[in-house]
Amino acid sequence: METLHIKDIFPYVGVDHVRFGMTPPEVAQLWGEPHSRSMNFLKQYVEYRGSVSTTYSSENQLVEIGLSRRCTDARIENIQIFLPPKRSRLVELLNLDKDAYEDVGIIVFKNLGISVTGFEHSDDDDVAVSAFSRGHWDDDLEGMRAFQL
């Protein structure tokens, strides 16, 4: 299984050359065929390519791109997201986006169009970042609390 070399997250646009709104075949043209597929608990279609997951709306349009910590070069602005220590990355992200929310271990940076998990505890197994399309988290944010370090 080939590992994708992920680099740049563009808020509310996409990751590298993959853009929100693309269909599964369009994503496959850029990143190759997925090694597996499933439906998530929200009944959304999800494809997996190594350390990267792509989630699609009911209209078959890309709405979220998940990156595991194995995407070591992933960055947003000039922040290399998975570079230790994790707390320093949270501080940098908060400096860029003070409009952040949290719930059940997920921190959503609304203005950056990303969510992160696993950044507030010592275990690194579930460290991940997801880039999402505009509106994708809006309903969930109402039930979340403002994030503070």
C-alpha atoms as a PDB file:
ATOM      1  CA  MET A   1       0.000   0.000   0.000  1.00  0.00           C
ATOM      2  CA  GLU A   2       1.493   3.314  -1.108  1.00  0.00           C
ATOM      3  CA  THR A   3       1.665   6.176   1.391  1.00  0.00           C
ATOM      4  CA  LEU A   4       0.423   9.547   0.206  1.00  0.00           C
ATOM      5  CA  HIS A   5       2.827  12.417   0.736  1.00  0.00           C
ATOM      6  CA  ILE A   6       0.470  15.020   2.195  1.00  0.00           C
ATOM      7  CA  LYS A   7       1.728  18.541   2.642  1.00  0.00           C
ATOM      8  CA  ASP A   8      -0.639  21.532   2.675  1.00  0.00           C
ATOM      9  CA  ILE A   9      -4.065  21.992   4.224  1.00  0.00           C
ATOM     10  CA  PHE A  10      -5.964  24.940   2.753  1.00  0.00           C
ATOM     11  CA  PRO A  11      -8.822  26.117   5.026  1.00  0.00           C
ATOM     12  CA  TYR A  12     -12.222  25.277   3.536  1.00  0.00           C
ATOM     13  CA  VAL A  13     -10.575  24.434   0.179  1.00  0.00           C
ATOM     14  CA  GLY A  14      -8.893  21.036   0.554  1.00  0.00           C
ATOM     15  CA  VAL A  15      -5.572  19.275   0.964  1.00  0.00           C
ATOM     16  CA  ASP A  16      -2.831  19.650  -1.631  1.00  0.00           C
ATOM     17  CA  HIS A  17      -4.592  19.349  -5.032  1.00  0.00           C
ATOM     18  CA  VAL A  18      -7.678  17.557  -3.679  1.00  0.00           C
ATOM     19  CA  ARG A  19     -10.590  19.962  -3.233  1.00  0.00           C
ATOM     20  CA  PHE A  20     -13.842  19.795  -1.311  1.00  0.00           C
ATOM     21  CA  GLY A  21     -16.763  19.103  -3.619  1.00  0.00           C
ATOM     22  CA  MET A  22     -14.816  16.553  -5.698  1.00  0.00           C
ATOM     23  CA  THR A  23     -16.374  13.156  -6.373  1.00  0.00           C
ATOM     24  CA  PRO A  24     -14.713   9.827  -5.484  1.00  0.00           C
ATOM     25  CA  PRO A  25     -13.497   9.283  -9.087  1.00  0.00           C
ATOM     26  CA  GLU A  26     -11.960  12.789  -9.151  1.00  0.00           C
ATOM     27  CA  VAL A  27     -10.122  12.137  -5.879  1.00  0.00           C
ATOM     28  CA  ALA A  28      -8.954   8.738  -7.213  1.00  0.00           C
ATOM     29  CA  GLN A  29      -7.423  10.476 -10.249  1.00  0.00           C
ATOM     30  CA  LEU A  30      -5.165  12.471  -7.896  1.00  0.00           C
ATOM     31  CA  TRP A  31      -4.578  10.070  -4.993  1.00  0.00           C
ATOM     32  CA  GLY A  32      -5.214   6.680  -6.583  1.00  0.00           C
ATOM     33  CA  GLU A  33      -7.837   4.080  -5.772  1.00  0.00           C
ATOM     34  CA  PRO A  34      -8.676   3.600  -2.074  1.00  0.00           C
ATOM     35  CA  HIS A  35      -7.549   0.378  -0.365  1.00  0.00           C
ATOM     36  CA  SER A  36     -10.893   0.153   1.473  1.00  0.00           C
ATOM     37  CA  ARG A  37     -14.306   1.785   1.742  1.00  0.00           C
ATOM     38  CA  SER A  38     -17.023   1.928   4.396  1.00  0.00           C
ATOM     39  CA  MET A  39     -19.975   3.887   5.739  1.00  0.00           C
ATOM     40  CA  ASN A  40     -19.445   5.904   8.930  1.00  0.00           C
ATOM     41  CA  PHE A  41     -21.924   6.241  11.798  1.00  0.00           C
ATOM     42  CA  LEU A  42     -23.530   9.203   9.990  1.00  0.00           C
ATOM     43  CA  LYS A  43     -24.120   6.967   6.939  1.00  0.00           C
ATOM     44  CA  GLN A  44     -21.535   8.883   4.913  1.00  0.00           C
ATOM     45  CA  TYR A  45     -19.344   7.091   2.363  1.00  0.00           C
ATOM     46  CA  VAL A  46     -15.672   6.990   3.440  1.00  0.00           C
ATOM     47  CA  GLU A  47     -12.583   5.903   1.481  1.00  0.00           C
ATOM     48  CA  TYR A  48      -9.232   4.976   3.017  1.00  0.00           C
ATOM     49  CA  ARG A  49      -5.806   5.443   1.450  1.00  0.00           C
ATOM     50  CA  GLY A  50      -3.152   4.531   3.999  1.00  0.00           C
ATOM     51  CA  SER A  51      -3.025   7.366   6.540  1.00  0.00           C
ATOM     52  CA  VAL A  52      -5.710   9.400   4.748  1.00  0.00           C
ATOM     53  CA  SER A  53      -9.486   9.114   4.802  1.00  0.00           C
ATOM     54  CA  THR A  54     -11.916  10.960   2.556  1.00  0.00           C
ATOM     55  CA  THR A  55     -15.563  11.412   3.549  1.00  0.00           C
ATOM     56  CA  TYR A  56     -18.352  12.260   1.104  1.00  0.00           C
ATOM     57  CA  SER A  57     -21.794  13.818   1.437  1.00  0.00           C
ATOM     58  CA  SER A  58     -24.979  12.100   0.318  1.00  0.00           C
ATOM     59  CA  GLU A  59     -24.483  14.009  -2.960  1.00  0.00           C
ATOM     60  CA  ASN A  60     -21.139  12.187  -3.406  1.00  0.00           C
ATOM     61  CA  GLN A  61     -19.093  15.328  -2.831  1.00  0.00           C
ATOM     62  CA  LEU A  62     -15.942  15.415  -0.697  1.00  0.00           C
ATOM     63  CA  VAL A  63     -16.671  17.095   2.664  1.00  0.00           C
ATOM     64  CA  GLU A  64     -13.821  15.956   4.948  1.00  0.00           C
ATOM     65  CA  ILE A  65     -10.220  14.755   4.663  1.00  0.00           C
ATOM     66  CA  GLY A  66      -8.743  12.972   7.671  1.00  0.00           C
ATOM     67  CA  LEU A  67      -4.986  12.693   8.229  1.00  0.00           C
ATOM     68  CA  SER A  68      -3.320  10.448  10.786  1.00  0.00           C
ATOM     69  CA  ARG A  69      -0.082  11.320  12.560  1.00  0.00           C
ATOM     70  CA  ARG A  70       1.781   9.301   9.917  1.00  0.00           C
ATOM     71  CA  CYS A  71       1.232  12.292   7.592  1.00  0.00           C
ATOM     72  CA  THR A  72       4.249  13.878   9.258  1.00  0.00           C
ATOM     73  CA  ASP A  73       4.647  16.752   6.777  1.00  0.00           C
ATOM     74  CA  ALA A  74       1.021  17.935   7.010  1.00  0.00           C
ATOM     75  CA  ARG A  75       0.814  21.637   7.701  1.00  0.00           C
ATOM     76  CA  ILE A  76      -1.596  24.533   7.789  1.00  0.00           C
ATOM     77  CA  GLU A  77      -0.163  27.995   7.296  1.00  0.00           C
ATOM     78  CA  ASN A  78       3.398  27.452   8.606  1.00  0.00           C
ATOM     79  CA  ILE A  79       2.422  25.043  11.373  1.00  0.00           C
ATOM     80  CA  GLN A  80       3.653  21.477  10.935  1.00  0.00           C
ATOM     81  CA  ILE A  81       0.724  19.885  12.757  1.00  0.00           C
ATOM     82  CA  PHE A  82       2.275  16.606  13.901  1.00  0.00           C
ATOM     83  CA  LEU A  83       5.647  18.031  14.990  1.00  0.00           C
ATOM     84  CA  PRO A  84       6.122  17.398  18.745  1.00  0.00           C
ATOM     85  CA  PRO A  85       5.339  18.684  21.283  1.00  0.00           C
ATOM     86  CA  LYS A  86       1.582  18.558  20.705  1.00  0.00           C
ATOM     87  CA  ARG A  87       0.805  21.322  23.206  1.00  0.00           C
ATOM     88  CA  SER A  88       2.992  23.739  21.245  1.00  0.00           C
ATOM     89  CA  ARG A  89       0.998  22.963  18.097  1.00  0.00           C
ATOM     90  CA  LEU A  90      -2.254  23.708  19.968  1.00  0.00           C
ATOM     91  CA  VAL A  91      -0.836  27.064  21.095  1.00  0.00           C
ATOM     92  CA  GLU A  92       0.169  27.890  17.501  1.00  0.00           C
ATOM     93  CA  LEU A  93      -3.248  26.882  16.161  1.00  0.00           C
ATOM     94  CA  LEU A  94      -5.007  28.961  18.821  1.00  0.00           C
ATOM     95  CA  ASN A  95      -2.833  31.938  17.903  1.00  0.00           C
ATOM     96  CA  LEU A  96      -4.182  31.630  14.349  1.00  0.00           C
ATOM     97  CA  ASP A  97      -7.772  30.867  15.348  1.00  0.00           C
ATOM     98  CA  LYS A  98      -9.194  31.919  18.704  1.00  0.00           C
ATOM     99  CA  ASP A  99     -12.667  30.719  17.587  1.00  0.00           C
ATOM    100  CA  ALA A 100     -12.077  27.104  18.660  1.00  0.00           C
ATOM    101  CA  TYR A 101     -14.537  24.674  20.258  1.00  0.00           C
ATOM    102  CA  GLU A 102     -14.183  21.345  22.039  1.00  0.00           C
ATOM    103  CA  ASP A 103     -16.210  18.302  22.960  1.00  0.00           C
ATOM    104  CA  VAL A 104     -15.323  14.671  23.747  1.00  0.00           C
ATOM    105  CA  GLY A 105     -11.650  15.041  22.824  1.00  0.00           C
ATOM    106  CA  ILE A 106     -12.234  16.876  19.547  1.00  0.00           C
ATOM    107  CA  ILE A 107     -11.099  20.475  19.087  1.00  0.00           C
ATOM    108  CA  VAL A 108     -12.614  22.329  16.135  1.00  0.00           C
ATOM    109  CA  PHE A 109     -10.811  25.399  14.805  1.00  0.00           C
ATOM    110  CA  LYS A 110     -13.728  27.042  13.051  1.00  0.00           C
ATOM    111  CA  ASN A 111     -11.793  29.696  11.106  1.00  0.00           C
ATOM    112  CA  LEU A 112      -9.075  27.250   9.999  1.00  0.00           C
ATOM    113  CA  GLY A 113     -11.560  24.619   8.841  1.00  0.00           C
ATOM    114  CA  ILE A 114      -9.859  21.824  10.794  1.00  0.00           C
ATOM    115  CA  SER A 115     -10.508  19.604  13.788  1.00  0.00           C
ATOM    116  CA  VAL A 116      -7.858  17.804  15.834  1.00  0.00           C
ATOM    117  CA  THR A 117      -7.998  14.814  18.158  1.00  0.00           C
ATOM    118  CA  GLY A 118      -5.481  13.318  20.557  1.00  0.00           C
ATOM    119  CA  PHE A 119      -3.649  16.567  21.243  1.00  0.00           C
ATOM    120  CA  GLU A 120      -4.592  16.886  24.919  1.00  0.00           C
ATOM    121  CA  HIS A 121      -3.214  13.634  26.350  1.00  0.00           C
ATOM    122  CA  SER A 122       0.094  11.780  26.370  1.00  0.00           C
ATOM    123  CA  ASP A 123      -0.974   8.851  24.163  1.00  0.00           C
ATOM    124  CA  ASP A 124      -0.174   9.468  20.481  1.00  0.00           C
ATOM    125  CA  ASP A 125      -2.192   6.584  19.001  1.00  0.00           C
ATOM    126  CA  ASP A 126      -5.255   8.675  18.092  1.00  0.00           C
ATOM    127  CA  VAL A 127      -3.536  11.916  17.080  1.00  0.00           C
ATOM    128  CA  ALA A 128      -5.192  13.130  13.884  1.00  0.00           C
ATOM    129  CA  VAL A 129      -6.364  16.192  12.017  1.00  0.00           C
ATOM    130  CA  SER A 130      -9.343  16.574   9.707  1.00  0.00           C
ATOM    131  CA  ALA A 131      -9.856  19.323   7.176  1.00  0.00           C
ATOM    132  CA  PHE A 132     -13.518  19.967   6.398  1.00  0.00           C
ATOM    133  CA  SER A 133     -15.709  21.844   3.971  1.00  0.00           C
ATOM    134  CA  ARG A 134     -17.621  24.982   4.903  1.00  0.00           C
ATOM    135  CA  GLY A 135     -20.730  24.170   6.940  1.00  0.00           C
ATOM    136  CA  HIS A 136     -19.667  20.594   7.719  1.00  0.00           C
ATOM    137  CA  TRP A 137     -19.373  21.192  11.505  1.00  0.00           C
ATOM    138  CA  ASP A 138     -21.899  24.023  11.907  1.00  0.00           C
ATOM    139  CA  ASP A 139     -24.696  21.999  13.534  1.00  0.00           C
ATOM    140  CA  ASP A 140     -22.302  20.302  15.975  1.00  0.00           C
ATOM    141  CA  LEU A 141     -20.647  23.538  17.122  1.00  0.00           C
ATOM    142  CA  GLU A 142     -23.839  24.655  18.882  1.00  0.00           C
ATOM    143  CA  GLY A 143     -23.411  21.892  21.481  1.00  0.00           C
ATOM    144  CA  MET A 144     -19.684  22.451  22.007  1.00  0.00           C
ATOM    145  CA  ARG A 145     -17.895  24.698  24.499  1.00  0.00           C
ATOM    146  CA  ALA A 146     -15.236  27.301  23.735  1.00  0.00           C
ATOM    147  CA  PHE A 147     -11.772  25.726  23.819  1.00  0.00           C
ATOM    148  CA  GLN A 148      -9.175  27.102  26.211  1.00  0.00           C
ATOM    149  CA  LEU A 149      -5.753  25.697  27.105  1.00  0.00           C
END
